[in-house]
């Protein structure tokens, strides 16, 4: 990554939706109608999956059900519950370069926009609570997968999630995929009456961006294709 990072220009509507997708961390209360959300999920379900197994399962919440889930998960976090209850390792431990530097950069860039200095634990806690409330989005998804599925189906699931995010941008909506919800499997299964047969993959916020939210000024960088690709025969 360089100091002069700039994303490529969009050549068509599909590329415009991809390039404008970002993790939005502040939303307006404007409702998202069920028919809009169901259409987005139908579009996203065209994602490729090995032998067409379609491993995704989704619970979509708004209104009081969303508030109850968010409040329940936030309460579990504040009480220190499920601190060691991850059912799948999202990151390697310990994390190593260049990935640890990328993670630290986005973390401190975000905290800088939010006015959170190193050691300000009260502000960090408040931000985490907002996180667990889907950053105020009117729609929150809980994404599930059958725990018997293997890594191929998890790869397929990633393409499904990306499809939701890109299709949302094409409709003027924004999203934030939220791995943090995978840290509260027992709480979420209890609150939503989910079978132990399913693992919580992540959450996802969907709604209209609040352009006044400081966190939404965050600009993330990407490594250029020339740096991560080996080209032969071109």
C-alpha atoms as a PDB file:
ATOM      1  CA  UNK A   1       0.000   0.000   0.000  1.00  0.00           C
ATOM      2  CA  UNK A   2       1.240   3.492  -0.797  1.00  0.00           C
ATOM      3  CA  UNK A   3       0.502   6.980   0.477  1.00  0.00           C
ATOM      4  CA  UNK A   4      -0.964   7.808  -2.926  1.00  0.00           C
ATOM      5  CA  UNK A   5      -3.518   4.992  -2.878  1.00  0.00           C
ATOM      6  CA  UNK A   6      -6.479   5.540  -5.180  1.00  0.00           C
ATOM      7  CA  UNK A   7      -9.102   2.981  -6.230  1.00  0.00           C
ATOM      8  CA  UNK A   8      -9.533   2.230  -9.933  1.00  0.00           C
ATOM      9  CA  UNK A   9     -12.207   4.040 -11.904  1.00  0.00           C
ATOM     10  CA  UNK A  10     -15.457   2.174 -12.505  1.00  0.00           C
ATOM     11  CA  UNK A  11     -15.985   1.098 -16.108  1.00  0.00           C
ATOM     12  CA  UNK A  12     -19.641   0.094 -15.661  1.00  0.00           C
ATOM     13  CA  UNK A  13     -22.506  -0.090 -13.155  1.00  0.00           C
ATOM     14  CA  UNK A  14     -21.355  -3.409 -11.703  1.00  0.00           C
ATOM     15  CA  UNK A  15     -17.887  -2.039 -10.998  1.00  0.00           C
ATOM     16  CA  UNK A  16     -19.400   1.143  -9.544  1.00  0.00           C
ATOM     17  CA  UNK A  17     -21.372  -0.928  -7.035  1.00  0.00           C
ATOM     18  CA  UNK A  18     -18.277  -2.930  -6.076  1.00  0.00           C
ATOM     19  CA  UNK A  19     -16.013   0.112  -5.768  1.00  0.00           C
ATOM     20  CA  UNK A  20     -18.534   2.103  -3.723  1.00  0.00           C
ATOM     21  CA  UNK A  21     -19.069  -0.756  -1.256  1.00  0.00           C
ATOM     22  CA  UNK A  22     -17.614   0.033   2.133  1.00  0.00           C
ATOM     23  CA  UNK A  23     -18.204  -0.892   5.741  1.00  0.00           C
ATOM     24  CA  UNK A  24     -20.601   1.803   6.943  1.00  0.00           C
ATOM     25  CA  UNK A  25     -20.618   2.331  10.709  1.00  0.00           C
ATOM     26  CA  UNK A  26     -23.470   4.806  11.153  1.00  0.00           C
ATOM     27  CA  UNK A  27     -27.006   4.652   9.705  1.00  0.00           C
ATOM     28  CA  UNK A  28     -30.153   6.707   9.376  1.00  0.00           C
ATOM     29  CA  UNK A  29     -33.321   5.242  10.922  1.00  0.00           C
ATOM     30  CA  UNK A  30     -34.973   5.109   7.484  1.00  0.00           C
ATOM     31  CA  UNK A  31     -36.724   1.702   7.221  1.00  0.00           C
ATOM     32  CA  UNK A  32     -35.768  -0.871   4.600  1.00  0.00           C
ATOM     33  CA  UNK A  33     -38.966  -2.571   3.345  1.00  0.00           C
ATOM     34  CA  UNK A  34     -39.153  -6.347   3.542  1.00  0.00           C
ATOM     35  CA  UNK A  35     -39.687  -6.608  -0.226  1.00  0.00           C
ATOM     36  CA  UNK A  36     -36.431  -4.716  -0.831  1.00  0.00           C
ATOM     37  CA  UNK A  37     -34.493  -6.894   1.578  1.00  0.00           C
ATOM     38  CA  UNK A  38     -35.995 -10.114   0.239  1.00  0.00           C
ATOM     39  CA  UNK A  39     -35.099  -9.030  -3.305  1.00  0.00           C
ATOM     40  CA  UNK A  40     -31.478  -8.382  -2.228  1.00  0.00           C
ATOM     41  CA  UNK A  41     -31.244 -11.826  -0.639  1.00  0.00           C
ATOM     42  CA  UNK A  42     -32.748 -13.473  -3.723  1.00  0.00           C
ATOM     43  CA  UNK A  43     -30.143 -11.710  -5.864  1.00  0.00           C
ATOM     44  CA  UNK A  44     -27.331 -12.620  -3.461  1.00  0.00           C
ATOM     45  CA  UNK A  45     -28.370 -16.266  -3.517  1.00  0.00           C
ATOM     46  CA  UNK A  46     -27.182 -16.448  -7.118  1.00  0.00           C
ATOM     47  CA  UNK A  47     -23.667 -16.678  -5.645  1.00  0.00           C
ATOM     48  CA  UNK A  48     -21.761 -19.764  -6.796  1.00  0.00           C
ATOM     49  CA  UNK A  49     -21.535 -22.685  -4.394  1.00  0.00           C
ATOM     50  CA  UNK A  50     -19.923 -26.078  -4.704  1.00  0.00           C
ATOM     51  CA  UNK A  51     -22.384 -28.486  -6.372  1.00  0.00           C
ATOM     52  CA  UNK A  52     -25.070 -25.831  -5.754  1.00  0.00           C
ATOM     53  CA  UNK A  53     -25.346 -26.658  -2.027  1.00  0.00           C
ATOM     54  CA  UNK A  54     -26.204 -23.031  -1.101  1.00  0.00           C
ATOM     55  CA  UNK A  55     -24.967 -23.268   2.514  1.00  0.00           C
ATOM     56  CA  UNK A  56     -26.288 -19.891   3.684  1.00  0.00           C
ATOM     57  CA  UNK A  57     -29.029 -19.478   6.279  1.00  0.00           C
ATOM     58  CA  UNK A  58     -30.119 -16.008   7.382  1.00  0.00           C
ATOM     59  CA  UNK A  59     -32.250 -14.440  10.101  1.00  0.00           C
ATOM     60  CA  UNK A  60     -33.281 -10.875   9.191  1.00  0.00           C
ATOM     61  CA  UNK A  61     -34.407  -8.567  11.972  1.00  0.00           C
ATOM     62  CA  UNK A  62     -35.828  -5.072  12.283  1.00  0.00           C
ATOM     63  CA  UNK A  63     -37.789  -3.107  14.860  1.00  0.00           C
ATOM     64  CA  UNK A  64     -38.315  -4.661  18.300  1.00  0.00           C
ATOM     65  CA  UNK A  65     -36.768  -8.069  17.423  1.00  0.00           C
ATOM     66  CA  UNK A  66     -33.585  -6.317  16.291  1.00  0.00           C
ATOM     67  CA  UNK A  67     -33.519  -4.172  19.445  1.00  0.00           C
ATOM     68  CA  UNK A  68     -33.945  -7.223  21.697  1.00  0.00           C
ATOM     69  CA  UNK A  69     -31.119  -9.073  19.970  1.00  0.00           C
ATOM     70  CA  UNK A  70     -28.757  -6.081  20.078  1.00  0.00           C
ATOM     71  CA  UNK A  71     -29.509  -5.314  23.714  1.00  0.00           C
ATOM     72  CA  UNK A  72     -29.099  -8.964  24.685  1.00  0.00           C
ATOM     73  CA  UNK A  73     -25.747  -9.352  22.947  1.00  0.00           C
ATOM     74  CA  UNK A  74     -24.473  -6.018  24.270  1.00  0.00           C
ATOM     75  CA  UNK A  75     -25.484  -7.049  27.799  1.00  0.00           C
ATOM     76  CA  UNK A  76     -23.627 -10.347  27.407  1.00  0.00           C
ATOM     77  CA  UNK A  77     -20.511  -8.492  26.308  1.00  0.00           C
ATOM     78  CA  UNK A  78     -20.696  -5.972  29.158  1.00  0.00           C
ATOM     79  CA  UNK A  79     -21.099  -8.855  31.616  1.00  0.00           C
ATOM     80  CA  UNK A  80     -18.010 -10.571  30.230  1.00  0.00           C
ATOM     81  CA  UNK A  81     -19.937 -13.575  28.988  1.00  0.00           C
ATOM     82  CA  UNK A  82     -18.688 -15.802  26.153  1.00  0.00           C
ATOM     83  CA  UNK A  83     -15.194 -14.292  26.288  1.00  0.00           C
ATOM     84  CA  UNK A  84     -13.658 -17.604  25.171  1.00  0.00           C
ATOM     85  CA  UNK A  85     -16.578 -19.066  23.273  1.00  0.00           C
ATOM     86  CA  UNK A  86     -15.498 -18.663  19.635  1.00  0.00           C
ATOM     87  CA  UNK A  87     -16.657 -21.623  17.547  1.00  0.00           C
ATOM     88  CA  UNK A  88     -14.325 -20.830  14.665  1.00  0.00           C
ATOM     89  CA  UNK A  89     -11.022 -18.955  14.528  1.00  0.00           C
ATOM     90  CA  UNK A  90     -11.456 -15.864  12.370  1.00  0.00           C
ATOM     91  CA  UNK A  91      -7.810 -14.764  12.685  1.00  0.00           C
ATOM     92  CA  UNK A  92      -4.559 -16.654  13.269  1.00  0.00           C
ATOM     93  CA  UNK A  93      -3.137 -16.290  16.759  1.00  0.00           C
ATOM     94  CA  UNK A  94      -0.646 -14.731  16.890  1.00  0.00           C
ATOM     95  CA  UNK A  95      -1.290 -12.514  13.878  1.00  0.00           C
ATOM     96  CA  UNK A  96       1.748 -11.795  11.692  1.00  0.00           C
ATOM     97  CA  UNK A  97       2.968  -9.361   9.044  1.00  0.00           C
ATOM     98  CA  UNK A  98       1.813  -7.832   6.800  1.00  0.00           C
ATOM     99  CA  UNK A  99      -1.648  -8.522   8.219  1.00  0.00           C
ATOM    100  CA  UNK A 100      -1.099  -7.237  11.725  1.00  0.00           C
ATOM    101  CA  UNK A 101       0.027  -3.831  10.412  1.00  0.00           C
ATOM    102  CA  UNK A 102      -3.025  -3.565   8.178  1.00  0.00           C
ATOM    103  CA  UNK A 103      -5.303  -4.431  11.101  1.00  0.00           C
ATOM    104  CA  UNK A 104      -3.640  -1.927  13.410  1.00  0.00           C
ATOM    105  CA  UNK A 105      -3.823   0.841  10.812  1.00  0.00           C
ATOM    106  CA  UNK A 106      -7.557   0.561  10.228  1.00  0.00           C
ATOM    107  CA  UNK A 107      -8.162   0.294  13.966  1.00  0.00           C
ATOM    108  CA  UNK A 108      -6.281   3.462  14.831  1.00  0.00           C
ATOM    109  CA  UNK A 109      -7.600   5.320  11.773  1.00  0.00           C
ATOM    110  CA  UNK A 110     -11.146   4.532  12.934  1.00  0.00           C
ATOM    111  CA  UNK A 111     -10.445   5.451  16.549  1.00  0.00           C
ATOM    112  CA  UNK A 112      -8.901   8.711  15.379  1.00  0.00           C
ATOM    113  CA  UNK A 113     -12.102   9.661  13.574  1.00  0.00           C
ATOM    114  CA  UNK A 114     -14.115   8.746  16.665  1.00  0.00           C
ATOM    115  CA  UNK A 115     -11.860  10.743  18.978  1.00  0.00           C
ATOM    116  CA  UNK A 116     -10.767   7.670  20.940  1.00  0.00           C
ATOM    117  CA  UNK A 117      -7.204   7.856  22.213  1.00  0.00           C
ATOM    118  CA  UNK A 118      -5.091   4.931  23.378  1.00  0.00           C
ATOM    119  CA  UNK A 119      -6.228   3.830  26.833  1.00  0.00           C
ATOM    120  CA  UNK A 120      -9.655   5.516  26.746  1.00  0.00           C
ATOM    121  CA  UNK A 121     -11.493   2.367  27.750  1.00  0.00           C
ATOM    122  CA  UNK A 122     -14.862   4.033  28.433  1.00  0.00           C
ATOM    123  CA  UNK A 123     -14.997   5.383  24.880  1.00  0.00           C
ATOM    124  CA  UNK A 124     -13.867   2.024  23.493  1.00  0.00           C
ATOM    125  CA  UNK A 125     -16.670   0.293  25.404  1.00  0.00           C
ATOM    126  CA  UNK A 126     -19.240   2.776  24.083  1.00  0.00           C
ATOM    127  CA  UNK A 127     -18.057   2.125  20.533  1.00  0.00           C
ATOM    128  CA  UNK A 128     -18.343  -1.640  21.064  1.00  0.00           C
ATOM    129  CA  UNK A 129     -21.918  -1.249  22.312  1.00  0.00           C
ATOM    130  CA  UNK A 130     -22.773   0.764  19.168  1.00  0.00           C
ATOM    131  CA  UNK A 131     -21.141  -2.010  17.149  1.00  0.00           C
ATOM    132  CA  UNK A 132     -23.380  -4.621  18.795  1.00  0.00           C
ATOM    133  CA  UNK A 133     -26.394  -2.459  17.975  1.00  0.00           C
ATOM    134  CA  UNK A 134     -25.529  -2.760  14.270  1.00  0.00           C
ATOM    135  CA  UNK A 135     -24.392   0.892  14.323  1.00  0.00           C
ATOM    136  CA  UNK A 136     -28.018   1.997  14.353  1.00  0.00           C
ATOM    137  CA  UNK A 137     -28.954   0.233  11.097  1.00  0.00           C
ATOM    138  CA  UNK A 138     -32.682  -0.492  10.660  1.00  0.00           C
ATOM    139  CA  UNK A 139     -31.932  -4.057   9.504  1.00  0.00           C
ATOM    140  CA  UNK A 140     -29.593  -6.561  11.076  1.00  0.00           C
ATOM    141  CA  UNK A 141     -28.826  -9.990   9.659  1.00  0.00           C
ATOM    142  CA  UNK A 142     -27.584 -12.991  11.580  1.00  0.00           C
ATOM    143  CA  UNK A 143     -25.847 -15.334   9.148  1.00  0.00           C
ATOM    144  CA  UNK A 144     -25.655 -19.038   9.978  1.00  0.00           C
ATOM    145  CA  UNK A 145     -24.089 -22.186   8.565  1.00  0.00           C
ATOM    146  CA  UNK A 146     -24.597 -25.843   9.410  1.00  0.00           C
ATOM    147  CA  UNK A 147     -21.628 -26.776  11.595  1.00  0.00           C
ATOM    148  CA  UNK A 148     -21.044 -29.929   9.554  1.00  0.00           C
ATOM    149  CA  UNK A 149     -20.063 -27.887   6.501  1.00  0.00           C
ATOM    150  CA  UNK A 150     -16.381 -27.691   5.556  1.00  0.00           C
ATOM    151  CA  UNK A 151     -14.122 -24.917   4.314  1.00  0.00           C
ATOM    152  CA  UNK A 152     -15.449 -25.005   0.750  1.00  0.00           C
ATOM    153  CA  UNK A 153     -18.908 -23.998   1.924  1.00  0.00           C
ATOM    154  CA  UNK A 154     -17.410 -21.194   4.015  1.00  0.00           C
ATOM    155  CA  UNK A 155     -15.745 -19.879   0.856  1.00  0.00           C
ATOM    156  CA  UNK A 156     -19.110 -20.052  -0.901  1.00  0.00           C
ATOM    157  CA  UNK A 157     -20.643 -18.135   2.009  1.00  0.00           C
ATOM    158  CA  UNK A 158     -18.178 -15.297   1.502  1.00  0.00           C
ATOM    159  CA  UNK A 159     -19.366 -14.868  -2.074  1.00  0.00           C
ATOM    160  CA  UNK A 160     -22.970 -14.761  -0.851  1.00  0.00           C
ATOM    161  CA  UNK A 161     -22.142 -12.027   1.670  1.00  0.00           C
ATOM    162  CA  UNK A 162     -20.313  -9.999  -0.963  1.00  0.00           C
ATOM    163  CA  UNK A 163     -23.323 -10.304  -3.250  1.00  0.00           C
ATOM    164  CA  UNK A 164     -25.565  -8.839  -0.546  1.00  0.00           C
ATOM    165  CA  UNK A 165     -23.222  -5.896  -0.081  1.00  0.00           C
ATOM    166  CA  UNK A 166     -22.853  -5.169  -3.792  1.00  0.00           C
ATOM    167  CA  UNK A 167     -26.546  -5.612  -4.560  1.00  0.00           C
ATOM    168  CA  UNK A 168     -27.333  -3.254  -1.677  1.00  0.00           C
ATOM    169  CA  UNK A 169     -25.061  -0.579  -3.169  1.00  0.00           C
ATOM    170  CA  UNK A 170     -26.847  -0.906  -6.500  1.00  0.00           C
ATOM    171  CA  UNK A 171     -30.081  -0.059  -4.626  1.00  0.00           C
ATOM    172  CA  UNK A 172     -28.568   2.926  -2.800  1.00  0.00           C
ATOM    173  CA  UNK A 173     -28.106   1.054   0.484  1.00  0.00           C
ATOM    174  CA  UNK A 174     -25.015   0.399   2.548  1.00  0.00           C
ATOM    175  CA  UNK A 175     -23.831  -2.508   4.663  1.00  0.00           C
ATOM    176  CA  UNK A 176     -21.306  -3.620   7.234  1.00  0.00           C
ATOM    177  CA  UNK A 177     -20.390  -7.281   7.599  1.00  0.00           C
ATOM    178  CA  UNK A 178     -19.750  -7.853  11.310  1.00  0.00           C
ATOM    179  CA  UNK A 179     -17.599 -10.757  12.456  1.00  0.00           C
ATOM    180  CA  UNK A 180     -18.074  -9.675  16.090  1.00  0.00           C
ATOM    181  CA  UNK A 181     -21.414 -11.483  16.308  1.00  0.00           C
ATOM    182  CA  UNK A 182     -19.619 -14.815  15.906  1.00  0.00           C
ATOM    183  CA  UNK A 183     -18.206 -14.188  19.398  1.00  0.00           C
ATOM    184  CA  UNK A 184     -21.647 -14.644  21.010  1.00  0.00           C
ATOM    185  CA  UNK A 185     -23.000 -17.948  19.678  1.00  0.00           C
ATOM    186  CA  UNK A 186     -24.728 -19.129  22.856  1.00  0.00           C
ATOM    187  CA  UNK A 187     -26.374 -15.762  23.498  1.00  0.00           C
ATOM    188  CA  UNK A 188     -27.593 -15.457  19.904  1.00  0.00           C
ATOM    189  CA  UNK A 189     -28.866 -19.028  19.785  1.00  0.00           C
ATOM    190  CA  UNK A 190     -30.762 -18.450  23.023  1.00  0.00           C
ATOM    191  CA  UNK A 191     -32.267 -15.128  21.956  1.00  0.00           C
ATOM    192  CA  UNK A 192     -33.278 -16.346  18.492  1.00  0.00           C
ATOM    193  CA  UNK A 193     -34.099 -19.965  19.346  1.00  0.00           C
ATOM    194  CA  UNK A 194     -31.477 -21.376  16.974  1.00  0.00           C
ATOM    195  CA  UNK A 195     -30.457 -25.025  17.017  1.00  0.00           C
ATOM    196  CA  UNK A 196     -26.948 -25.995  18.136  1.00  0.00           C
ATOM    197  CA  UNK A 197     -26.613 -27.473  14.641  1.00  0.00           C
ATOM    198  CA  UNK A 198     -25.756 -23.983  13.334  1.00  0.00           C
ATOM    199  CA  UNK A 199     -22.696 -21.783  13.771  1.00  0.00           C
ATOM    200  CA  UNK A 200     -23.020 -18.001  13.720  1.00  0.00           C
ATOM    201  CA  UNK A 201     -20.884 -16.848  10.783  1.00  0.00           C
ATOM    202  CA  UNK A 202     -21.355 -13.105  11.251  1.00  0.00           C
ATOM    203  CA  UNK A 203     -23.884 -10.314  11.423  1.00  0.00           C
ATOM    204  CA  UNK A 204     -24.564  -7.714   8.749  1.00  0.00           C
ATOM    205  CA  UNK A 205     -26.002  -4.208   9.064  1.00  0.00           C
ATOM    206  CA  UNK A 206     -28.093  -2.886   6.157  1.00  0.00           C
ATOM    207  CA  UNK A 207     -29.518   0.599   5.743  1.00  0.00           C
ATOM    208  CA  UNK A 208     -28.962   4.150   4.537  1.00  0.00           C
ATOM    209  CA  UNK A 209     -25.667   5.785   5.469  1.00  0.00           C
ATOM    210  CA  UNK A 210     -25.674   8.595   8.015  1.00  0.00           C
ATOM    211  CA  UNK A 211     -23.202  10.889   6.288  1.00  0.00           C
ATOM    212  CA  UNK A 212     -22.778  12.895   9.496  1.00  0.00           C
ATOM    213  CA  UNK A 213     -21.408   9.893  11.413  1.00  0.00           C
ATOM    214  CA  UNK A 214     -17.648  10.470  11.926  1.00  0.00           C
ATOM    215  CA  UNK A 215     -16.805   6.788  11.386  1.00  0.00           C
ATOM    216  CA  UNK A 216     -18.112   6.966   7.836  1.00  0.00           C
ATOM    217  CA  UNK A 217     -15.249   9.251   6.840  1.00  0.00           C
ATOM    218  CA  UNK A 218     -12.922   6.248   7.094  1.00  0.00           C
ATOM    219  CA  UNK A 219     -11.103   5.460   3.849  1.00  0.00           C
ATOM    220  CA  UNK A 220      -9.474   2.044   3.616  1.00  0.00           C
ATOM    221  CA  UNK A 221      -6.640   1.127   1.285  1.00  0.00           C
ATOM    222  CA  UNK A 222      -6.123  -1.894  -0.918  1.00  0.00           C
ATOM    223  CA  UNK A 223      -2.956  -3.509  -2.232  1.00  0.00           C
ATOM    224  CA  UNK A 224      -2.703  -3.225  -6.018  1.00  0.00           C
ATOM    225  CA  UNK A 225      -3.100  -6.363  -8.122  1.00  0.00           C
ATOM    226  CA  UNK A 226       0.518  -6.042  -9.267  1.00  0.00           C
ATOM    227  CA  UNK A 227       1.617  -6.595  -5.643  1.00  0.00           C
ATOM    228  CA  UNK A 228      -0.418  -9.734  -4.883  1.00  0.00           C
ATOM    229  CA  UNK A 229      -0.565 -11.398  -8.308  1.00  0.00           C
ATOM    230  CA  UNK A 230       2.022 -13.412 -10.228  1.00  0.00           C
ATOM    231  CA  UNK A 231       1.352 -12.928 -13.945  1.00  0.00           C
ATOM    232  CA  UNK A 232       2.725 -15.393 -16.485  1.00  0.00           C
ATOM    233  CA  UNK A 233       2.275 -15.500 -20.238  1.00  0.00           C
ATOM    234  CA  UNK A 234       0.925 -11.951 -20.535  1.00  0.00           C
END
